[in-house]
Protein backbone atom coordinates (compact mmCIF):
# COMPACT_ATOMS: atom_id res chain seq x y z
CA MET A 1 94.88 66.03 83.61
CA ARG A 2 92.42 68.66 84.72
CA ASN A 3 91.73 71.43 82.23
CA PRO A 4 93.69 74.45 83.56
CA ILE A 5 91.00 76.89 82.46
CA ASN A 6 88.38 75.07 84.50
CA MET A 7 90.76 74.80 87.43
CA LEU A 8 91.61 78.52 87.44
CA SER A 9 87.96 79.46 87.05
CA SER A 10 87.09 77.26 90.03
CA LEU A 11 89.68 79.08 92.14
CA GLN A 12 88.39 82.44 90.95
CA ASN A 13 84.88 81.63 92.15
CA HIS A 14 86.13 81.95 95.74
CA SER A 15 88.42 84.93 95.10
CA SER A 16 86.00 87.63 96.23
CA ASP A 17 85.31 85.81 99.51
CA ARG A 18 88.18 87.11 101.62
CA SER A 19 87.42 84.68 104.43
CA TYR A 20 87.87 81.66 102.15
CA THR A 21 91.20 79.82 102.45
CA PHE A 22 92.84 77.81 99.67
CA GLU A 23 94.37 74.41 100.37
CA ARG A 24 96.33 71.95 98.20
CA LEU A 25 97.20 74.72 95.74
CA TYR A 26 100.67 73.32 95.04
CA ARG A 27 99.38 70.14 93.38
CA ASN A 28 98.09 72.23 90.45
CA LEU A 29 101.73 72.68 89.45
CA TYR A 30 101.84 69.00 88.51
CA ASN A 31 99.54 69.73 85.58
CA ARG A 32 101.34 69.71 82.21
CA GLU A 33 98.43 71.57 80.60
CA LEU A 34 98.95 74.49 83.02
CA PHE A 35 102.58 74.72 81.91
CA LEU A 36 101.50 74.72 78.27
CA LEU A 37 99.07 77.56 78.99
CA ALA A 38 101.84 79.48 80.77
CA TYR A 39 104.20 78.80 77.86
CA GLN A 40 101.64 80.17 75.42
CA ASN A 41 101.28 83.33 77.54
CA ILE A 42 104.96 84.27 77.64
CA TYR A 43 106.65 82.72 74.59
CA ALA A 44 106.45 85.85 72.38
CA SER A 45 108.67 88.07 74.56
CA GLN A 46 112.02 88.83 72.92
CA GLY A 47 113.72 88.68 76.32
CA ASN A 48 113.15 84.92 76.37
CA MET A 49 116.07 84.57 73.96
CA THR A 50 118.44 86.11 76.51
CA LYS A 51 120.37 83.49 78.47
CA GLY A 52 119.94 83.24 82.22
CA THR A 53 122.61 82.07 84.65
CA ASP A 54 121.92 78.46 83.60
CA GLY A 55 122.86 79.29 79.99
CA LYS A 56 119.41 78.33 78.67
CA THR A 57 116.83 80.28 76.69
CA ILE A 58 113.29 79.47 75.57
CA ASP A 59 114.74 77.65 72.58
CA ALA A 60 114.33 73.85 72.55
CA MET A 61 111.21 73.92 74.68
CA SER A 62 109.74 70.43 74.81
CA LEU A 63 107.29 68.29 76.74
CA ASN A 64 110.23 66.42 78.29
CA ARG A 65 111.65 69.73 79.52
CA ILE A 66 108.29 70.59 81.10
CA ASP A 67 107.99 67.12 82.62
CA GLY A 68 111.43 67.60 84.18
CA MET A 69 110.26 70.81 85.86
CA ILE A 70 107.13 69.08 87.14
CA ALA A 71 109.18 66.16 88.52
CA SER A 72 111.45 68.55 90.44
CA LEU A 73 108.38 70.36 91.80
CA LYS A 74 106.84 67.08 92.94
CA ASP A 75 109.83 66.07 95.10
CA GLU A 76 110.52 69.76 96.00
CA SER A 77 114.04 69.55 94.59
CA TYR A 78 113.25 72.48 92.31
CA GLN A 79 115.49 75.43 93.08
CA PRO A 80 115.20 78.72 91.16
CA GLN A 81 118.40 79.94 89.56
CA PRO A 82 119.78 83.30 90.70
CA SER A 83 118.94 86.02 88.20
CA ARG A 84 121.70 87.60 86.14
CA ARG A 85 122.01 91.25 87.06
CA THR A 86 122.80 93.89 84.49
CA TYR A 87 122.33 97.66 84.45
CA ILE A 88 120.48 99.98 82.09
CA PRO A 89 120.71 103.80 82.07
CA LYS A 90 117.93 105.87 83.69
CA LYS A 91 116.68 109.25 82.48
CA ASN A 92 118.52 111.03 85.31
CA GLY A 93 121.87 109.57 84.23
CA LYS A 94 121.97 106.91 86.96
CA MET A 95 121.86 103.17 86.30
CA ARG A 96 118.87 100.93 87.00
CA PRO A 97 119.53 97.29 87.99
CA LEU A 98 117.80 94.72 85.78
CA GLY A 99 117.40 91.06 86.68
CA ILE A 100 117.39 88.39 83.94
CA PRO A 101 115.90 85.13 85.25
CA SER A 102 116.31 81.72 83.71
CA PHE A 103 113.54 80.88 81.24
CA ASP A 104 112.61 77.72 83.16
CA ASP A 105 112.11 79.91 86.22
CA LYS A 106 110.00 82.30 84.14
CA LEU A 107 107.77 79.43 83.10
CA VAL A 108 107.29 78.16 86.66
CA GLN A 109 106.66 81.74 87.82
CA GLU A 110 104.00 82.21 85.15
CA CYS A 111 102.22 79.10 86.45
CA VAL A 112 102.43 80.49 89.98
CA ARG A 113 101.20 83.89 88.76
CA LEU A 114 98.16 82.31 87.13
CA LEU A 115 97.29 80.61 90.41
CA LEU A 116 97.87 83.75 92.50
CA GLU A 117 95.81 85.88 90.12
CA ALA A 118 92.92 83.43 90.29
CA VAL A 119 93.11 83.40 94.10
CA TYR A 120 93.48 87.13 94.75
CA GLU A 121 92.29 89.21 91.80
CA GLY A 122 88.59 89.16 92.60
CA GLY A 123 89.28 90.27 96.17
CA PHE A 124 91.47 93.29 95.42
CA ALA A 125 90.11 96.72 96.30
CA LYS A 126 88.52 98.84 93.59
CA THR A 127 91.11 101.55 94.37
CA SER A 128 94.01 99.36 93.14
CA HIS A 129 94.90 99.72 89.46
CA GLY A 130 98.51 98.62 88.89
CA PHE A 131 99.37 95.35 87.10
CA ARG A 132 95.78 94.13 86.98
CA PRO A 133 93.57 92.86 84.14
CA ASN A 134 91.30 95.60 82.71
CA HIS A 135 93.13 98.23 84.76
CA SER A 136 95.71 100.81 83.79
CA CYS A 137 97.06 104.24 84.60
CA HIS A 138 94.04 105.65 82.80
CA THR A 139 91.54 103.81 85.01
CA ALA A 140 93.38 105.14 88.06
CA LEU A 141 93.25 108.68 86.67
CA SER A 142 89.61 108.17 85.75
CA GLN A 143 88.78 107.24 89.32
CA ALA A 144 90.61 110.31 90.59
CA GLN A 145 88.75 112.58 88.19
CA VAL A 146 85.33 111.16 89.02
CA CYS A 147 85.68 110.58 92.77
CA PHE A 148 87.93 113.47 93.87
CA THR A 149 85.40 116.19 93.00
CA GLY A 150 85.58 119.09 95.43
CA VAL A 151 88.59 117.89 97.47
CA LYS A 152 90.59 120.64 99.17
CA TRP A 153 93.89 118.83 99.78
CA PHE A 154 95.97 116.23 97.99
CA VAL A 155 98.38 113.88 99.73
CA GLU A 156 100.83 112.56 97.13
CA GLY A 157 102.11 109.20 98.31
CA ASP A 158 105.25 107.33 97.29
CA ILE A 159 106.86 104.36 99.05
CA LYS A 160 110.64 104.57 99.12
CA GLY A 161 112.32 101.75 97.16
CA PHE A 162 109.18 99.64 97.37
CA PHE A 163 110.07 96.65 95.19
CA ASP A 164 113.54 96.36 96.72
CA ASN A 165 112.36 96.60 100.33
CA ILE A 166 109.36 94.27 100.56
CA ASN A 167 109.83 92.30 103.77
CA HIS A 168 109.90 88.57 103.02
CA GLU A 169 108.44 87.46 106.34
CA VAL A 170 105.59 89.97 106.08
CA MET A 171 105.00 88.82 102.50
CA ILE A 172 104.77 85.15 103.47
CA GLY A 173 102.57 86.06 106.44
CA ILE A 174 100.11 87.89 104.19
CA LEU A 175 100.01 84.96 101.75
CA ALA A 176 99.48 82.50 104.61
CA GLU A 177 96.25 84.28 105.59
CA ARG A 178 94.49 82.86 102.52
CA ILE A 179 96.79 80.07 101.29
CA LYS A 180 96.98 77.11 103.67
CA ASP A 181 99.55 75.14 101.66
CA GLU A 182 103.07 74.99 103.06
CA LYS A 183 104.55 73.56 99.86
CA PHE A 184 103.23 76.50 97.83
CA LEU A 185 104.50 79.00 100.40
CA ARG A 186 107.92 77.33 100.44
CA LEU A 187 108.08 77.73 96.64
CA ILE A 188 107.29 81.46 96.93
CA ARG A 189 110.00 81.77 99.57
CA LYS A 190 112.48 80.06 97.22
CA PHE A 191 111.79 82.69 94.56
CA LEU A 192 112.17 85.49 97.09
CA LYS A 193 115.49 84.09 98.33
CA ALA A 194 116.92 83.07 94.93
CA GLY A 195 119.52 85.87 94.89
CA TYR A 196 121.38 87.22 91.87
CA LEU A 197 124.73 87.03 90.09
CA GLU A 198 126.69 90.20 89.38
CA ASP A 199 130.13 89.96 87.80
CA TRP A 200 129.89 86.18 88.42
CA GLN A 201 129.59 86.74 92.14
CA TYR A 202 126.53 85.46 94.00
CA HIS A 203 124.52 87.83 96.22
CA ASN A 204 121.73 86.88 98.62
CA THR A 205 118.39 88.70 98.54
CA TYR A 206 117.18 89.55 102.02
CA SER A 207 114.26 91.73 100.93
CA GLY A 208 112.32 92.70 97.83
CA THR A 209 110.65 90.74 95.06
CA PRO A 210 112.58 88.96 92.26
CA GLN A 211 113.93 91.54 89.79
CA GLY A 212 112.53 90.80 86.37
CA GLY A 213 110.35 88.13 87.94
CA ILE A 214 106.92 87.46 86.47
CA ILE A 215 105.39 87.04 89.94
CA SER A 216 106.75 90.34 91.28
CA PRO A 217 103.78 92.54 90.19
CA ILE A 218 101.10 90.25 91.65
CA LEU A 219 103.11 89.83 94.87
CA ALA A 220 103.38 93.63 95.12
CA ASN A 221 99.61 94.00 94.80
CA ILE A 222 99.00 91.32 97.43
CA TYR A 223 101.40 93.13 99.74
CA LEU A 224 99.85 96.58 99.21
CA ASP A 225 96.31 95.25 99.45
CA LYS A 226 96.88 95.67 103.19
CA LEU A 227 97.31 99.41 102.59
CA ASP A 228 94.18 99.53 100.42
CA ARG A 229 92.12 97.87 103.15
CA TYR A 230 93.58 100.18 105.78
CA MET A 231 92.54 103.17 103.67
CA GLU A 232 89.00 101.78 103.46
CA GLU A 233 88.83 101.64 107.24
CA LEU A 234 90.41 105.09 107.57
CA LYS A 235 87.83 106.48 105.16
CA LYS A 236 84.99 105.00 107.23
CA ARG A 237 86.35 106.66 110.36
CA PHE A 238 87.11 109.99 108.68
CA ASP A 239 83.99 110.56 106.55
CA LYS A 240 81.49 112.74 108.34
CA GLY A 241 78.11 114.25 107.48
CA ALA A 242 75.63 113.41 104.74
CA VAL A 243 75.73 116.73 102.86
CA ARG A 244 77.42 120.08 103.27
CA ALA A 245 75.48 122.83 104.99
CA VAL A 246 74.09 125.53 102.71
CA TYR A 247 76.22 128.69 102.51
CA PRO A 248 74.62 131.37 104.80
CA GLU A 249 74.22 133.93 102.01
CA THR A 250 72.78 131.29 99.69
CA TYR A 251 70.38 130.23 102.43
CA GLU A 252 69.10 133.78 102.80
CA LEU A 253 68.69 134.15 99.05
CA GLU A 254 66.80 130.84 98.91
CA LYS A 255 64.40 132.12 101.59
CA LYS A 256 63.82 135.34 99.66
CA ARG A 257 63.27 133.41 96.46
CA GLY A 258 60.75 131.15 98.18
CA VAL A 259 58.73 134.14 99.41
CA LEU A 260 58.73 135.72 95.94
CA ALA A 261 57.79 132.41 94.29
CA LYS A 262 54.81 132.06 96.67
CA LYS A 263 53.64 135.59 95.84
CA LEU A 264 54.01 134.81 92.14
CA ARG A 265 51.75 131.76 92.45
CA ASN A 266 49.05 133.73 94.32
CA THR A 267 48.90 136.91 92.23
CA ASN A 268 46.61 137.47 89.26
CA SER A 269 48.14 140.78 88.21
CA GLU A 270 50.22 140.48 85.03
CA GLU A 271 52.21 143.59 85.97
CA GLU A 272 53.03 142.17 89.41
CA LYS A 273 53.94 138.81 87.83
CA GLN A 274 56.53 140.53 85.60
CA VAL A 275 58.05 142.38 88.56
CA LEU A 276 58.22 139.24 90.73
CA THR A 277 59.68 137.17 87.86
CA GLU A 278 62.45 139.71 87.30
CA LYS A 279 63.27 139.76 91.04
CA ILE A 280 63.49 135.94 91.07
CA ARG A 281 65.82 136.05 88.06
CA GLU A 282 68.04 138.57 89.83
CA ILE A 283 68.28 136.27 92.84
CA ASP A 284 69.16 133.32 90.56
CA ARG A 285 71.92 135.38 88.93
CA GLU A 286 73.26 136.43 92.33
CA LYS A 287 73.26 132.81 93.54
CA LEU A 288 75.59 131.87 90.69
CA THR A 289 78.25 134.25 92.04
CA ILE A 290 78.48 132.66 95.49
CA PRO A 291 78.94 129.05 96.69
CA TYR A 292 75.84 126.96 97.22
CA SER A 293 77.31 124.85 100.00
CA ASP A 294 79.50 126.13 102.82
CA PRO A 295 83.17 125.33 102.03
CA PHE A 296 84.05 125.86 105.71
CA ASP A 297 81.47 123.44 107.05
CA THR A 298 83.43 121.36 109.59
CA SER A 299 80.56 118.90 109.97
CA PHE A 300 81.22 117.53 106.46
CA LYS A 301 84.43 115.59 105.67
CA ARG A 302 85.43 113.14 102.97
CA LEU A 303 88.50 111.05 102.14
CA GLN A 304 89.27 109.57 98.70
CA TYR A 305 92.11 107.24 97.72
CA VAL A 306 93.52 105.67 94.56
CA ARG A 307 96.68 103.63 94.00
CA TYR A 308 98.75 102.48 91.04
CA ALA A 309 101.63 100.17 92.11
CA ASP A 310 103.52 102.03 94.85
CA ASP A 311 102.20 105.49 93.84
CA PHE A 312 99.01 106.61 95.53
CA LEU A 313 96.95 109.77 95.83
CA ILE A 314 94.70 110.79 98.71
CA GLY A 315 92.05 113.50 98.40
CA VAL A 316 90.76 115.23 101.53
CA ILE A 317 87.69 117.39 102.01
CA GLY A 318 88.63 118.95 105.30
CA SER A 319 91.30 121.15 106.84
CA LYS A 320 95.04 121.06 106.23
CA GLU A 321 95.40 119.69 109.75
CA ASP A 322 93.19 116.77 108.66
CA ALA A 323 95.45 116.15 105.65
CA ILE A 324 98.58 116.23 107.87
CA ALA A 325 96.98 113.82 110.35
CA ILE A 326 96.01 111.40 107.55
CA LYS A 327 99.54 111.51 106.14
CA GLU A 328 101.01 110.68 109.54
CA GLN A 329 98.57 107.82 110.10
CA VAL A 330 99.40 106.32 106.69
CA LYS A 331 103.10 106.78 107.35
CA ALA A 332 102.80 104.97 110.69
CA PHE A 333 100.80 102.09 109.15
CA VAL A 334 103.29 101.63 106.33
CA ALA A 335 106.18 101.59 108.81
CA ASP A 336 104.60 99.40 111.48
CA THR A 337 102.61 96.89 109.42
CA LEU A 338 104.40 96.77 106.05
CA ILE A 339 107.92 97.55 107.37
CA LEU A 340 108.33 100.16 104.65
CA GLU A 341 109.01 103.89 104.55
CA LEU A 342 107.21 106.72 102.82
CA SER A 343 109.47 108.97 100.77
CA ASP A 344 109.56 112.38 102.47
CA GLU A 345 110.63 114.00 99.18
CA LYS A 346 107.69 112.66 97.21
CA THR A 347 104.95 112.39 99.86
CA LEU A 348 103.62 115.94 99.69
CA ILE A 349 100.54 117.80 100.88
CA THR A 350 99.24 120.09 98.15
CA HIS A 351 96.25 122.44 98.05
CA SER A 352 93.86 121.27 95.37
CA GLU A 353 93.99 124.61 93.54
CA LYS A 354 97.67 123.94 92.93
CA ARG A 355 98.98 121.03 90.86
CA ALA A 356 99.72 117.65 92.34
CA ARG A 357 101.68 115.15 90.23
CA PHE A 358 100.16 111.68 89.80
CA LEU A 359 101.20 109.12 87.16
CA GLY A 360 102.81 111.78 85.00
CA TYR A 361 99.73 114.04 85.03
CA ASP A 362 99.17 117.34 86.80
CA ILE A 363 95.91 117.09 88.75
CA TYR A 364 94.02 119.97 90.38
CA VAL A 365 90.48 121.02 91.29
CA ARG A 366 88.88 123.88 89.42
CA ARG A 367 87.41 126.83 91.31
CA SER A 368 85.32 128.55 88.68
CA VAL A 369 82.08 130.54 88.46
CA ALA A 370 81.73 129.86 84.73
CA THR A 371 78.21 128.81 83.86
CA LYS A 372 76.27 127.00 81.16
CA LYS A 373 72.74 125.72 80.68
CA ASP A 374 71.99 122.15 81.72
CA LYS A 375 69.59 119.77 79.95
CA THR A 376 66.59 121.50 81.53
CA GLY A 377 67.75 124.91 80.33
CA ARG A 378 68.71 126.06 83.80
CA ARG A 379 72.06 127.85 84.08
CA CYS A 380 74.56 126.27 86.49
CA ARG A 381 78.25 126.32 87.43
CA HIS A 382 79.53 123.31 85.49
CA LEU A 383 83.23 123.53 86.35
CA ASN A 384 83.34 124.42 90.03
CA GLY A 385 84.87 121.60 92.05
CA THR A 386 85.62 119.37 89.05
CA VAL A 387 88.98 117.62 88.74
CA CYS A 388 91.25 118.63 85.87
CA LEU A 389 93.97 116.39 84.41
CA GLU A 390 96.71 118.13 82.47
CA MET A 391 99.76 117.07 80.52
CA PRO A 392 102.81 118.82 82.05
CA THR A 393 104.66 120.85 79.45
CA GLU A 394 107.94 120.09 81.22
CA LEU A 395 107.46 116.35 80.65
CA MET A 396 106.86 116.93 76.93
CA ARG A 397 110.04 118.99 76.89
CA LYS A 398 112.03 116.26 78.67
CA LYS A 399 110.74 113.59 76.31
CA LEU A 400 111.79 115.54 73.21
CA LEU A 401 115.23 116.16 74.69
CA GLU A 402 115.49 112.49 75.67
CA TYR A 403 114.78 111.44 72.07
CA GLY A 404 117.37 113.94 70.82
CA ALA A 405 114.70 115.44 68.56
CA MET A 406 115.03 119.01 69.83
CA THR A 407 117.44 121.65 71.03
CA ILE A 408 116.51 124.70 73.11
CA GLU A 409 117.82 128.13 72.23
CA LYS A 410 117.34 131.32 74.20
CA THR A 411 115.62 134.23 72.48
CA VAL A 412 116.76 137.82 72.91
CA TYR A 413 114.05 138.13 75.56
CA GLY A 414 115.41 135.15 77.52
CA LYS A 415 112.59 132.79 76.58
CA ASP A 416 113.11 129.17 75.48
CA ASN A 417 112.83 128.56 71.75
CA TRP A 418 112.20 124.90 70.88
CA LYS A 419 113.94 123.89 67.67
CA ALA A 420 113.68 120.54 65.90
CA LYS A 421 116.92 118.63 65.47
CA ALA A 422 118.09 115.75 63.29
CA ARG A 423 118.63 112.45 65.10
CA TYR A 424 121.96 111.44 63.57
CA TYR A 425 121.95 107.98 65.15
CA LEU A 426 118.96 107.06 62.96
CA LYS A 427 120.45 108.06 59.59
CA ASP A 428 121.85 104.58 58.91
CA ASN A 429 118.41 102.96 59.27
CA ASP A 430 116.22 102.40 56.23
CA ASP A 431 113.45 104.88 55.48
CA LEU A 432 110.66 102.71 56.82
CA GLU A 433 112.48 102.09 60.12
CA ILE A 434 113.01 105.84 60.60
CA LEU A 435 109.34 106.57 59.94
CA ASP A 436 108.18 103.74 62.22
CA GLN A 437 110.46 105.00 65.00
CA TYR A 438 108.89 108.46 64.91
CA ASN A 439 105.34 107.11 64.57
CA SER A 440 105.70 104.72 67.52
CA GLU A 441 107.09 107.48 69.75
CA ILE A 442 104.38 109.96 68.79
CA ARG A 443 101.61 107.39 69.26
CA GLY A 444 103.01 106.30 72.60
CA PHE A 445 103.07 109.87 73.90
CA ARG A 446 99.71 110.71 72.36
CA ASN A 447 97.97 107.60 73.71
CA TYR A 448 99.20 108.18 77.25
CA TYR A 449 98.11 111.82 77.37
CA ARG A 450 94.97 111.54 75.22
CA ILE A 451 92.72 111.93 78.27
CA ALA A 452 94.37 115.17 79.42
CA ASN A 453 92.21 118.29 79.40
CA ASN A 454 94.99 120.02 77.46
CA ALA A 455 95.68 117.03 75.18
CA ALA A 456 95.66 119.35 72.15
CA HIS A 457 98.93 120.86 73.40
CA ALA A 458 100.61 117.62 72.32
CA SER A 459 100.37 119.01 68.77
CA SER A 460 103.59 120.88 69.64
CA PHE A 461 105.19 117.50 70.34
CA GLY A 462 103.97 116.20 66.98
CA TYR A 463 105.22 119.35 65.18
CA ILE A 464 108.74 119.08 66.64
CA MET A 465 108.89 115.33 65.90
CA GLN A 466 107.72 115.89 62.33
CA TYR A 467 110.41 118.44 61.55
CA SER A 468 113.01 116.34 63.37
CA MET A 469 112.09 113.52 60.99
CA PHE A 470 112.48 115.83 57.99
CA LYS A 471 115.92 116.89 59.21
CA THR A 472 116.93 113.28 59.90
CA PHE A 473 116.00 112.27 56.33
CA ALA A 474 117.76 115.37 54.97
CA THR A 475 120.90 114.38 56.87
CA LYS A 476 120.68 110.81 55.57
CA TYR A 477 120.38 111.89 51.90
CA ARG A 478 122.62 114.97 52.27
CA THR A 479 120.01 117.35 50.94
CA THR A 480 118.01 120.31 52.17
CA MET A 481 115.00 119.95 54.41
CA ARG A 482 112.82 121.74 51.84
CA ARG A 483 113.62 119.16 49.17
CA MET A 484 113.14 116.33 51.64
CA ILE A 485 109.67 117.62 52.53
CA GLY A 486 108.76 117.59 48.84
CA LYS A 487 110.09 114.05 48.44
CA LEU A 488 108.11 112.74 51.44
CA ARG A 489 104.86 114.51 50.57
CA ILE A 490 102.00 112.18 49.65
CA GLY A 491 98.92 114.29 48.94
CA LYS A 492 98.16 116.27 52.10
CA ASN A 493 100.28 113.92 54.23
CA PHE A 494 103.85 112.70 54.44
CA GLY A 495 105.11 109.17 54.27
CA VAL A 496 107.41 106.54 52.82
CA ARG A 497 106.80 104.26 49.83
CA PHE A 498 108.27 100.78 50.09
CA THR A 499 108.13 97.35 48.48
CA ASP A 500 106.87 94.44 50.59
CA LYS A 501 108.06 90.83 50.47
CA LYS A 502 105.57 90.04 47.69
CA GLY A 503 106.95 92.84 45.50
CA LYS A 504 103.94 95.14 45.95
CA THR A 505 104.49 98.88 46.37
CA LYS A 506 102.91 100.19 49.55
CA THR A 507 102.77 103.46 51.46
CA ARG A 508 103.11 104.14 55.16
CA LEU A 509 102.12 107.60 56.34
CA PHE A 510 103.53 109.79 59.06
CA TYR A 511 101.21 110.13 62.08
CA ASN A 512 98.15 112.15 60.98
CA GLU A 513 95.45 111.27 63.52
CA GLY A 514 95.48 114.59 65.38
CA PHE A 515 95.79 115.35 69.08
CA ALA A 516 92.22 116.10 70.15
CA ARG A 517 91.27 115.04 73.65
CA LYS A 518 89.46 111.77 74.14
CA PRO A 519 87.49 112.34 77.34
CA LEU A 520 87.30 109.80 80.11
CA GLN A 521 84.39 107.43 80.24
CA LYS A 522 82.28 107.87 83.33
CA ASN A 523 82.08 104.11 83.76
CA ALA A 524 85.85 103.80 83.86
CA VAL A 525 85.69 103.71 87.66
CA VAL A 526 86.05 100.09 88.57
CA ASP A 527 83.32 99.66 91.18
CA VAL A 528 82.43 96.06 90.49
CA ILE A 529 84.54 92.93 90.64
CA PRO A 530 85.86 92.48 87.13
CA LYS A 531 86.09 89.25 85.21
CA THR A 532 89.60 88.24 86.07
CA VAL A 533 90.32 84.86 84.50
CA MET A 534 90.46 85.32 80.75
CA TYR A 535 91.94 82.25 79.16
CA SER A 536 91.41 80.75 75.76
CA SER A 537 91.20 77.18 74.66
CA LYS A 538 94.22 75.20 73.45
CA THR A 539 96.16 77.34 70.97
CA SER A 540 98.13 76.39 67.90
CA LEU A 541 101.47 76.60 69.71
CA MET A 542 100.30 74.28 72.48
CA ALA A 543 98.84 71.92 69.89
CA ARG A 544 102.01 71.96 67.79
CA LEU A 545 104.17 71.08 70.79
CA SER A 546 101.84 68.24 71.76
CA ALA A 547 101.25 66.91 68.23
CA GLY A 548 104.57 65.04 67.99
CA GLN A 549 105.12 65.95 64.32
CA CYS A 550 108.17 67.71 62.85
CA GLU A 551 107.11 70.65 60.65
CA LEU A 552 110.12 70.25 58.34
CA CYS A 553 110.74 66.55 57.76
CA GLY A 554 107.20 65.42 58.59
CA LYS A 555 108.33 62.77 61.08
CA THR A 556 105.52 61.74 63.46
CA ASP A 557 105.27 60.23 66.92
CA CYS A 558 108.55 61.82 67.95
CA GLU A 559 109.73 64.18 70.65
CA ILE A 560 109.29 67.78 69.55
CA GLU A 561 111.39 70.84 70.45
CA ILE A 562 110.23 74.32 69.60
CA HIS A 563 112.86 76.42 67.87
CA HIS A 564 112.60 80.14 68.64
CA VAL A 565 114.08 83.23 67.00
CA ARG A 566 114.22 86.69 68.57
CA LYS A 567 112.88 88.59 65.54
CA LEU A 568 111.54 87.42 62.20
CA LYS A 569 113.34 90.25 60.43
CA ASP A 570 116.66 88.74 61.57
CA LEU A 571 116.01 85.81 59.21
CA LYS A 572 117.54 86.36 55.76
CA GLY A 573 115.70 83.58 53.97
CA LYS A 574 118.89 81.88 52.77
CA SER A 575 117.90 78.40 53.99
CA TYR A 576 114.69 76.44 53.61
CA TRP A 577 113.81 76.53 57.31
CA GLU A 578 114.18 80.35 57.35
CA ARG A 579 111.93 80.71 54.31
CA PHE A 580 109.49 78.31 55.97
CA MET A 581 109.23 80.54 59.08
CA ILE A 582 109.05 83.75 57.04
CA ALA A 583 106.27 82.39 54.82
CA ARG A 584 104.20 81.46 57.88
CA ASN A 585 105.08 84.67 59.76
CA ARG A 586 106.02 82.67 62.86
CA LYS A 587 108.91 83.06 65.28
CA THR A 588 108.56 79.39 66.26
CA LEU A 589 109.20 76.10 64.49
CA ALA A 590 108.27 72.64 65.80
CA LEU A 591 111.18 70.29 65.04
CA CYS A 592 112.20 66.75 65.84
CA LEU A 593 115.41 66.35 67.81
CA ASP A 594 117.41 65.41 64.69
CA CYS A 595 116.28 68.44 62.66
CA HIS A 596 116.80 70.80 65.60
CA GLU A 597 120.33 69.53 66.12
CA LYS A 598 121.10 69.92 62.40
CA LEU A 599 119.69 73.47 62.44
CA HIS A 600 121.96 74.62 65.26
CA SER A 601 124.99 72.90 63.70
CA GLY A 602 124.37 74.64 60.37
CA LYS A 603 123.64 71.38 58.53
CA LEU A 604 119.96 72.11 57.86
CA ASN A 605 119.43 73.92 54.57
């Protein structure tokens, strides 16, 4: 069998050539090694232990099980199971539908995703950042901050119900432009049409990508790549002029300065030199109070664009009429070509001096005459036209209320007073779990907003969370917060002492890494085709499954099934096989069929 890493790399070599078409792609799904690579990629997810509609989980994965999938793919009898639909609460009180696919379908989808990523990743636009290797919300925000300098208008874009409304025929048509393999396209169509079960009743899916499906993100990017390419063409048509014209007053001052500079070069009088130098300095100071380039120059226009999933932001250097026209053109393209609809509520036109909302950040363009000296010692306006990213205080407020870590009381002056609150639902957890809960939430919030210009304001978030933790511990031990603070104090920090599995006393501290801003890297703009296929050689899990040796009884040359557990901490260590997994810190165990059967029947000690 062909090495899957070599195969995927070979496909990737043609990815950036958008005119290249891929044939006989489906036959790569006959490769057992590709399935093992896919299995290695996804095995660690806890959701794999949740049963799909076929009643199976990742447990008992074996080479025979993989071979069965490959056989059904070869004769095209493979049919994805409908996903099991459940609902989880949203922040606004509504319920979000969640699809739970069968694990076998997840594995096949991961194989398909690897192939699609190798085919398409290198050809995606540099303005696309969602669900891509080496890309994130931060790279999208970085591009906006670097490339949107001086824009006058923002167009905030949002596609209404994007993932649920992707047109299947359009999707297959887009895939068919580069993939000339009917078997592969039929497989994609099967996933799109698999449907779902809700309350044991089957429902067809007439649009959208598979909920909870591994291939959904890459299919979404392939679909919206059409929008990215349209925006490239729109930019080419819209952009106008090489540079902005010089502001009339600045132009006149430059002329005066040139005359004085010429006189200064030609005079030999020290007294006259001093007078001329002072006049030149006055002109330089006056220039700093007015624009250098003409902000109303209609001969200069620019359009910028960045997208993360179905959220996109357009920056316009031009008039408001230009921004309105661009919005209407994008709206028409999305409706006519992608058979989708822009959300009128969320697709807004905002002046750049005001705040537009993008990926949970407030973004605006500074208009400032503040100055500082550059590397040459010359004073310049260093903020004017630059893009500012800020953490919205309201989102910090919502997050604290969502966690139940804060209450808001009104002062006598009608202002909001944030007050830390005990989280009673955590009081039954052990001390380390409570501390880890607070630390993970603080780090998550801090890491997401670490690039904000006002990142230091997150210290308020950390302060409220810290005192909420104190109150939670005080509630647990039925004591005062003051005493609890003294108990948790470790030097200048706070933390919890605990005993590990080896009997050693250890300490874990409360978050103490500060909230200073970590500025964006200038090279974060992705303007080159990234390395997209990043695969390792055969891993221990793949080797263990292929070795044919039971890790408990030592039997060799036998069929192996991998036993999975959701969490290691769920194992109590009462039986030998549990102690075996705990000692090796693994959630998997390679067993022969006999041992695996005994384990599930409770006969394996």
